[in-house]
């Protein structure tokens, strides 16, 4: 079974690779950027992709959409620090078969990959419980596009508008206009408020 890990942290890829190598007859490939991940996928057509949301030079959510557009049979498990019901729901609506937070157990990632290989959905237990207790239908974050959600996340990580523009290969003005739409959708007036919302709802917090 061919598997592909797309994550921009070497140590994460190495750890996940060792874990997935325990699966019978597995052959695991890696990529560290969205562009490399797309190229490897199109070349090798793996059975399952383990994909991080946060990628250097791109967005895991946008890569998810791109992979699904190129291959409607692509089976993708999101593996991310951003274990919020809104992000999980967004990924599932965009075509992911699984979502596992990086704080989940190794066994849960294995189960998610097995489920995806068989065309079944899997959400880690803690996140699934959160999704039941905190439905996202009325959450204003749920109304954001994938690009808007990613820009909000990057604001919370301290990125400037210029840095965000370079990340996506778009114009500064496009990012600024997106921030204006974000303020309208989330009912705030200042960029500082967007950063606060991102820190509260989007960017991962250290366990404590």
C-alpha atoms as a PDB file:
ATOM      1  CA  UNK A   1       0.000   0.000   0.000  1.00  0.00           C
ATOM      2  CA  UNK A   2       1.535   3.303  -1.108  1.00  0.00           C
ATOM      3  CA  UNK A   3       1.235   6.107   1.444  1.00  0.00           C
ATOM      4  CA  UNK A   4       2.288   9.755   1.233  1.00  0.00           C
ATOM      5  CA  UNK A   5       3.077  12.100   4.135  1.00  0.00           C
ATOM      6  CA  UNK A   6       2.939  15.842   3.375  1.00  0.00           C
ATOM      7  CA  UNK A   7       4.225  17.911   6.291  1.00  0.00           C
ATOM      8  CA  UNK A   8       6.750  20.731   6.453  1.00  0.00           C
ATOM      9  CA  UNK A   9       8.508  19.467   9.596  1.00  0.00           C
ATOM     10  CA  UNK A  10      11.208  16.834   9.029  1.00  0.00           C
ATOM     11  CA  UNK A  11      10.865  15.361  12.507  1.00  0.00           C
ATOM     12  CA  UNK A  12       7.102  14.905  12.081  1.00  0.00           C
ATOM     13  CA  UNK A  13       7.518  13.224   8.696  1.00  0.00           C
ATOM     14  CA  UNK A  14      10.168  10.892  10.075  1.00  0.00           C
ATOM     15  CA  UNK A  15       8.023   9.913  13.046  1.00  0.00           C
ATOM     16  CA  UNK A  16       4.895   9.343  10.966  1.00  0.00           C
ATOM     17  CA  UNK A  17       6.914   7.428   8.387  1.00  0.00           C
ATOM     18  CA  UNK A  18       8.233   5.031  11.031  1.00  0.00           C
ATOM     19  CA  UNK A  19       4.705   4.590  12.354  1.00  0.00           C
ATOM     20  CA  UNK A  20       3.086   3.933   8.968  1.00  0.00           C
ATOM     21  CA  UNK A  21       5.911   1.603   7.974  1.00  0.00           C
ATOM     22  CA  UNK A  22       4.497  -0.816  10.552  1.00  0.00           C
ATOM     23  CA  UNK A  23       1.462  -1.375   8.322  1.00  0.00           C
ATOM     24  CA  UNK A  24       1.732  -4.578   6.244  1.00  0.00           C
ATOM     25  CA  UNK A  25       3.153  -4.100   2.724  1.00  0.00           C
ATOM     26  CA  UNK A  26       3.350  -0.335   3.146  1.00  0.00           C
ATOM     27  CA  UNK A  27       5.532   1.894   0.977  1.00  0.00           C
ATOM     28  CA  UNK A  28       5.820   5.405   2.404  1.00  0.00           C
ATOM     29  CA  UNK A  29       6.847   8.578   0.544  1.00  0.00           C
ATOM     30  CA  UNK A  30       7.311  12.112   1.904  1.00  0.00           C
ATOM     31  CA  UNK A  31       6.970  15.715   0.785  1.00  0.00           C
ATOM     32  CA  UNK A  32       7.665  18.920   2.669  1.00  0.00           C
ATOM     33  CA  UNK A  33       5.762  21.492   0.596  1.00  0.00           C
ATOM     34  CA  UNK A  34       2.370  21.745  -1.072  1.00  0.00           C
ATOM     35  CA  UNK A  35       3.887  21.811  -4.566  1.00  0.00           C
ATOM     36  CA  UNK A  36       6.173  18.833  -3.933  1.00  0.00           C
ATOM     37  CA  UNK A  37       3.276  16.973  -2.329  1.00  0.00           C
ATOM     38  CA  UNK A  38       1.092  17.496  -5.392  1.00  0.00           C
ATOM     39  CA  UNK A  39       3.883  16.362  -7.731  1.00  0.00           C
ATOM     40  CA  UNK A  40       4.605  13.220  -5.693  1.00  0.00           C
ATOM     41  CA  UNK A  41       0.912  12.384  -5.529  1.00  0.00           C
ATOM     42  CA  UNK A  42       0.420  12.705  -9.275  1.00  0.00           C
ATOM     43  CA  UNK A  43       3.523  10.617  -9.935  1.00  0.00           C
ATOM     44  CA  UNK A  44       2.901   7.821  -7.413  1.00  0.00           C
ATOM     45  CA  UNK A  45      -0.901   7.882  -6.866  1.00  0.00           C
ATOM     46  CA  UNK A  46      -0.691   6.663  -3.235  1.00  0.00           C
ATOM     47  CA  UNK A  47      -3.608   4.863  -1.607  1.00  0.00           C
ATOM     48  CA  UNK A  48      -3.741   7.383   1.271  1.00  0.00           C
ATOM     49  CA  UNK A  49      -2.264  10.828   1.906  1.00  0.00           C
ATOM     50  CA  UNK A  50      -1.532  12.084   5.430  1.00  0.00           C
ATOM     51  CA  UNK A  51      -1.676  15.860   5.045  1.00  0.00           C
ATOM     52  CA  UNK A  52      -0.925  18.700   7.458  1.00  0.00           C
ATOM     53  CA  UNK A  53      -2.984  21.894   7.264  1.00  0.00           C
ATOM     54  CA  UNK A  54       0.011  24.146   7.925  1.00  0.00           C
ATOM     55  CA  UNK A  55       2.504  23.929   5.039  1.00  0.00           C
ATOM     56  CA  UNK A  56       5.395  26.128   4.003  1.00  0.00           C
ATOM     57  CA  UNK A  57       4.589  27.926   0.774  1.00  0.00           C
ATOM     58  CA  UNK A  58       0.955  26.913   0.739  1.00  0.00           C
ATOM     59  CA  UNK A  59      -2.110  25.649   2.533  1.00  0.00           C
ATOM     60  CA  UNK A  60      -3.005  22.081   3.351  1.00  0.00           C
ATOM     61  CA  UNK A  61      -6.691  22.872   2.877  1.00  0.00           C
ATOM     62  CA  UNK A  62      -6.041  24.303  -0.569  1.00  0.00           C
ATOM     63  CA  UNK A  63      -3.833  21.332  -1.458  1.00  0.00           C
ATOM     64  CA  UNK A  64      -6.642  19.032  -0.310  1.00  0.00           C
ATOM     65  CA  UNK A  65      -9.012  20.751  -2.746  1.00  0.00           C
ATOM     66  CA  UNK A  66      -6.403  20.645  -5.524  1.00  0.00           C
ATOM     67  CA  UNK A  67      -5.742  16.929  -5.037  1.00  0.00           C
ATOM     68  CA  UNK A  68      -9.435  16.124  -4.995  1.00  0.00           C
ATOM     69  CA  UNK A  69      -9.950  18.158  -8.171  1.00  0.00           C
ATOM     70  CA  UNK A  70      -7.114  16.314  -9.916  1.00  0.00           C
ATOM     71  CA  UNK A  71      -8.234  12.899  -8.640  1.00  0.00           C
ATOM     72  CA  UNK A  72     -11.713  12.404  -7.221  1.00  0.00           C
ATOM     73  CA  UNK A  73     -10.530   9.089  -5.764  1.00  0.00           C
ATOM     74  CA  UNK A  74      -7.829  10.746  -3.628  1.00  0.00           C
ATOM     75  CA  UNK A  75      -8.106   9.491  -0.051  1.00  0.00           C
ATOM     76  CA  UNK A  76      -6.765  12.041   2.402  1.00  0.00           C
ATOM     77  CA  UNK A  77      -6.366  12.136   6.182  1.00  0.00           C
ATOM     78  CA  UNK A  78      -5.701  15.570   7.663  1.00  0.00           C
ATOM     79  CA  UNK A  79      -3.150  15.408  10.506  1.00  0.00           C
ATOM     80  CA  UNK A  80      -2.845  18.741  12.248  1.00  0.00           C
ATOM     81  CA  UNK A  81      -2.333  20.778  15.392  1.00  0.00           C
ATOM     82  CA  UNK A  82      -5.487  22.683  14.384  1.00  0.00           C
ATOM     83  CA  UNK A  83      -7.921  20.247  16.019  1.00  0.00           C
ATOM     84  CA  UNK A  84     -10.921  22.565  16.065  1.00  0.00           C
ATOM     85  CA  UNK A  85     -14.394  21.319  14.999  1.00  0.00           C
ATOM     86  CA  UNK A  86     -14.632  24.130  12.428  1.00  0.00           C
ATOM     87  CA  UNK A  87     -11.381  23.061  10.744  1.00  0.00           C
ATOM     88  CA  UNK A  88     -12.348  19.390  10.843  1.00  0.00           C
ATOM     89  CA  UNK A  89     -15.750  20.136   9.342  1.00  0.00           C
ATOM     90  CA  UNK A  90     -14.145  22.308   6.654  1.00  0.00           C
ATOM     91  CA  UNK A  91     -11.692  19.537   5.728  1.00  0.00           C
ATOM     92  CA  UNK A  92     -14.409  16.887   5.591  1.00  0.00           C
ATOM     93  CA  UNK A  93     -16.606  19.111   3.419  1.00  0.00           C
ATOM     94  CA  UNK A  94     -13.615  19.630   1.108  1.00  0.00           C
ATOM     95  CA  UNK A  95     -13.245  15.884   0.619  1.00  0.00           C
ATOM     96  CA  UNK A  96     -10.985  14.588   3.402  1.00  0.00           C
ATOM     97  CA  UNK A  97     -11.846  11.125   4.714  1.00  0.00           C
ATOM     98  CA  UNK A  98     -10.199  11.624   8.094  1.00  0.00           C
ATOM     99  CA  UNK A  99      -9.033  14.213  10.569  1.00  0.00           C
ATOM    100  CA  UNK A 100      -6.600  13.422  13.390  1.00  0.00           C
ATOM    101  CA  UNK A 101      -5.122  15.981  15.763  1.00  0.00           C
ATOM    102  CA  UNK A 102      -1.409  15.756  16.466  1.00  0.00           C
ATOM    103  CA  UNK A 103      -2.242  15.346  20.149  1.00  0.00           C
ATOM    104  CA  UNK A 104      -4.114  12.094  19.381  1.00  0.00           C
ATOM    105  CA  UNK A 105      -2.521   8.700  19.932  1.00  0.00           C
ATOM    106  CA  UNK A 106      -0.440   6.927  17.300  1.00  0.00           C
ATOM    107  CA  UNK A 107      -3.068   4.186  17.199  1.00  0.00           C
ATOM    108  CA  UNK A 108      -5.686   6.699  16.091  1.00  0.00           C
ATOM    109  CA  UNK A 109      -3.577   7.846  13.133  1.00  0.00           C
ATOM    110  CA  UNK A 110      -3.097   4.211  12.124  1.00  0.00           C
ATOM    111  CA  UNK A 111      -6.859   3.637  12.379  1.00  0.00           C
ATOM    112  CA  UNK A 112      -7.551   6.740  10.303  1.00  0.00           C
ATOM    113  CA  UNK A 113      -5.199   5.576   7.531  1.00  0.00           C
ATOM    114  CA  UNK A 114      -6.737   2.092   7.530  1.00  0.00           C
ATOM    115  CA  UNK A 115     -10.233   3.554   7.393  1.00  0.00           C
ATOM    116  CA  UNK A 116      -9.334   5.916   4.538  1.00  0.00           C
ATOM    117  CA  UNK A 117      -7.728   3.074   2.589  1.00  0.00           C
ATOM    118  CA  UNK A 118     -11.109   1.339   2.767  1.00  0.00           C
ATOM    119  CA  UNK A 119     -13.054   4.464   1.836  1.00  0.00           C
ATOM    120  CA  UNK A 120     -14.356   5.120   5.353  1.00  0.00           C
ATOM    121  CA  UNK A 121     -14.254   8.273   7.470  1.00  0.00           C
ATOM    122  CA  UNK A 122     -12.391   8.551  10.743  1.00  0.00           C
ATOM    123  CA  UNK A 123     -12.196  11.451  13.208  1.00  0.00           C
ATOM    124  CA  UNK A 124     -10.097  11.143  16.348  1.00  0.00           C
ATOM    125  CA  UNK A 125     -12.129  10.491  19.481  1.00  0.00           C
ATOM    126  CA  UNK A 126     -11.465  13.771  21.263  1.00  0.00           C
ATOM    127  CA  UNK A 127     -12.286  15.841  18.215  1.00  0.00           C
ATOM    128  CA  UNK A 128     -15.388  13.790  17.421  1.00  0.00           C
ATOM    129  CA  UNK A 129     -16.626  14.470  20.947  1.00  0.00           C
ATOM    130  CA  UNK A 130     -15.953  18.202  20.530  1.00  0.00           C
ATOM    131  CA  UNK A 131     -17.881  18.196  17.258  1.00  0.00           C
ATOM    132  CA  UNK A 132     -20.896  16.660  18.979  1.00  0.00           C
ATOM    133  CA  UNK A 133     -20.756  19.116  21.879  1.00  0.00           C
ATOM    134  CA  UNK A 134     -19.957  22.164  19.720  1.00  0.00           C
ATOM    135  CA  UNK A 135     -21.892  22.009  16.437  1.00  0.00           C
ATOM    136  CA  UNK A 136     -20.428  24.344  13.830  1.00  0.00           C
ATOM    137  CA  UNK A 137     -23.498  25.216  11.771  1.00  0.00           C
ATOM    138  CA  UNK A 138     -23.971  28.618  13.403  1.00  0.00           C
ATOM    139  CA  UNK A 139     -20.282  29.353  13.938  1.00  0.00           C
ATOM    140  CA  UNK A 140     -19.214  32.394  11.850  1.00  0.00           C
ATOM    141  CA  UNK A 141     -15.862  30.711  11.170  1.00  0.00           C
ATOM    142  CA  UNK A 142     -17.768  28.061   9.243  1.00  0.00           C
ATOM    143  CA  UNK A 143     -18.791  30.691   6.666  1.00  0.00           C
ATOM    144  CA  UNK A 144     -15.179  31.433   5.711  1.00  0.00           C
ATOM    145  CA  UNK A 145     -13.640  30.121   2.519  1.00  0.00           C
ATOM    146  CA  UNK A 146     -10.560  27.908   2.807  1.00  0.00           C
ATOM    147  CA  UNK A 147      -8.338  30.842   1.754  1.00  0.00           C
ATOM    148  CA  UNK A 148      -9.979  33.157   4.300  1.00  0.00           C
ATOM    149  CA  UNK A 149      -9.567  30.561   7.052  1.00  0.00           C
ATOM    150  CA  UNK A 150      -5.903  30.101   6.210  1.00  0.00           C
ATOM    151  CA  UNK A 151      -5.216  33.838   6.191  1.00  0.00           C
ATOM    152  CA  UNK A 152      -6.908  34.105   9.584  1.00  0.00           C
ATOM    153  CA  UNK A 153      -4.688  31.302  10.884  1.00  0.00           C
ATOM    154  CA  UNK A 154      -1.526  32.960   9.588  1.00  0.00           C
ATOM    155  CA  UNK A 155      -2.491  36.274  11.212  1.00  0.00           C
ATOM    156  CA  UNK A 156      -2.679  34.424  14.526  1.00  0.00           C
ATOM    157  CA  UNK A 157       0.789  33.003  13.917  1.00  0.00           C
ATOM    158  CA  UNK A 158       2.162  36.537  13.686  1.00  0.00           C
ATOM    159  CA  UNK A 159       2.582  36.740   9.919  1.00  0.00           C
ATOM    160  CA  UNK A 160       2.419  40.160   8.265  1.00  0.00           C
ATOM    161  CA  UNK A 161       0.226  40.801   5.232  1.00  0.00           C
ATOM    162  CA  UNK A 162       3.338  40.816   3.036  1.00  0.00           C
ATOM    163  CA  UNK A 163       4.441  37.451   4.432  1.00  0.00           C
ATOM    164  CA  UNK A 164       0.979  35.985   3.876  1.00  0.00           C
ATOM    165  CA  UNK A 165       0.991  37.284   0.293  1.00  0.00           C
ATOM    166  CA  UNK A 166       4.335  35.563  -0.332  1.00  0.00           C
ATOM    167  CA  UNK A 167       3.072  32.329   1.236  1.00  0.00           C
ATOM    168  CA  UNK A 168       0.236  32.072  -1.257  1.00  0.00           C
ATOM    169  CA  UNK A 169       1.957  33.776  -4.175  1.00  0.00           C
ATOM    170  CA  UNK A 170      -0.699  36.490  -4.341  1.00  0.00           C
ATOM    171  CA  UNK A 171      -0.689  40.289  -4.247  1.00  0.00           C
ATOM    172  CA  UNK A 172      -0.564  42.251  -0.999  1.00  0.00           C
ATOM    173  CA  UNK A 173      -3.791  43.996  -2.041  1.00  0.00           C
ATOM    174  CA  UNK A 174      -5.541  40.638  -2.353  1.00  0.00           C
ATOM    175  CA  UNK A 175      -4.595  39.763   1.220  1.00  0.00           C
ATOM    176  CA  UNK A 176      -5.680  43.195   2.453  1.00  0.00           C
ATOM    177  CA  UNK A 177      -9.051  42.836   0.700  1.00  0.00           C
ATOM    178  CA  UNK A 178      -9.481  39.380   2.212  1.00  0.00           C
ATOM    179  CA  UNK A 179      -8.838  40.816   5.674  1.00  0.00           C
ATOM    180  CA  UNK A 180     -11.557  43.379   5.034  1.00  0.00           C
ATOM    181  CA  UNK A 181     -13.999  40.583   4.156  1.00  0.00           C
ATOM    182  CA  UNK A 182     -12.910  38.660   7.252  1.00  0.00           C
ATOM    183  CA  UNK A 183     -13.735  41.645   9.449  1.00  0.00           C
ATOM    184  CA  UNK A 184     -17.175  41.903   7.852  1.00  0.00           C
ATOM    185  CA  UNK A 185     -17.926  38.201   8.214  1.00  0.00           C
ATOM    186  CA  UNK A 186     -16.704  38.017  11.816  1.00  0.00           C
ATOM    187  CA  UNK A 187     -18.247  41.331  12.888  1.00  0.00           C
ATOM    188  CA  UNK A 188     -15.062  43.110  13.956  1.00  0.00           C
ATOM    189  CA  UNK A 189     -13.389  46.354  12.917  1.00  0.00           C
ATOM    190  CA  UNK A 190      -9.656  45.922  13.508  1.00  0.00           C
ATOM    191  CA  UNK A 191      -6.962  43.545  12.329  1.00  0.00           C
ATOM    192  CA  UNK A 192      -6.075  43.145  16.017  1.00  0.00           C
ATOM    193  CA  UNK A 193      -9.525  41.606  16.516  1.00  0.00           C
ATOM    194  CA  UNK A 194      -8.854  39.088  13.735  1.00  0.00           C
ATOM    195  CA  UNK A 195      -5.591  38.157  15.448  1.00  0.00           C
ATOM    196  CA  UNK A 196      -7.425  37.729  18.768  1.00  0.00           C
ATOM    197  CA  UNK A 197     -10.036  35.456  17.170  1.00  0.00           C
ATOM    198  CA  UNK A 198      -7.307  33.434  15.495  1.00  0.00           C
ATOM    199  CA  UNK A 199      -5.418  33.011  18.784  1.00  0.00           C
ATOM    200  CA  UNK A 200      -8.602  31.981  20.588  1.00  0.00           C
ATOM    201  CA  UNK A 201     -10.050  29.657  17.964  1.00  0.00           C
ATOM    202  CA  UNK A 202      -7.515  28.694  15.339  1.00  0.00           C
ATOM    203  CA  UNK A 203      -3.859  28.657  16.319  1.00  0.00           C
ATOM    204  CA  UNK A 204      -2.836  25.649  18.442  1.00  0.00           C
ATOM    205  CA  UNK A 205      -2.216  26.091  22.126  1.00  0.00           C
ATOM    206  CA  UNK A 206       0.337  24.134  24.110  1.00  0.00           C
ATOM    207  CA  UNK A 207      -1.329  21.528  26.308  1.00  0.00           C
ATOM    208  CA  UNK A 208      -1.666  22.542  29.913  1.00  0.00           C
END
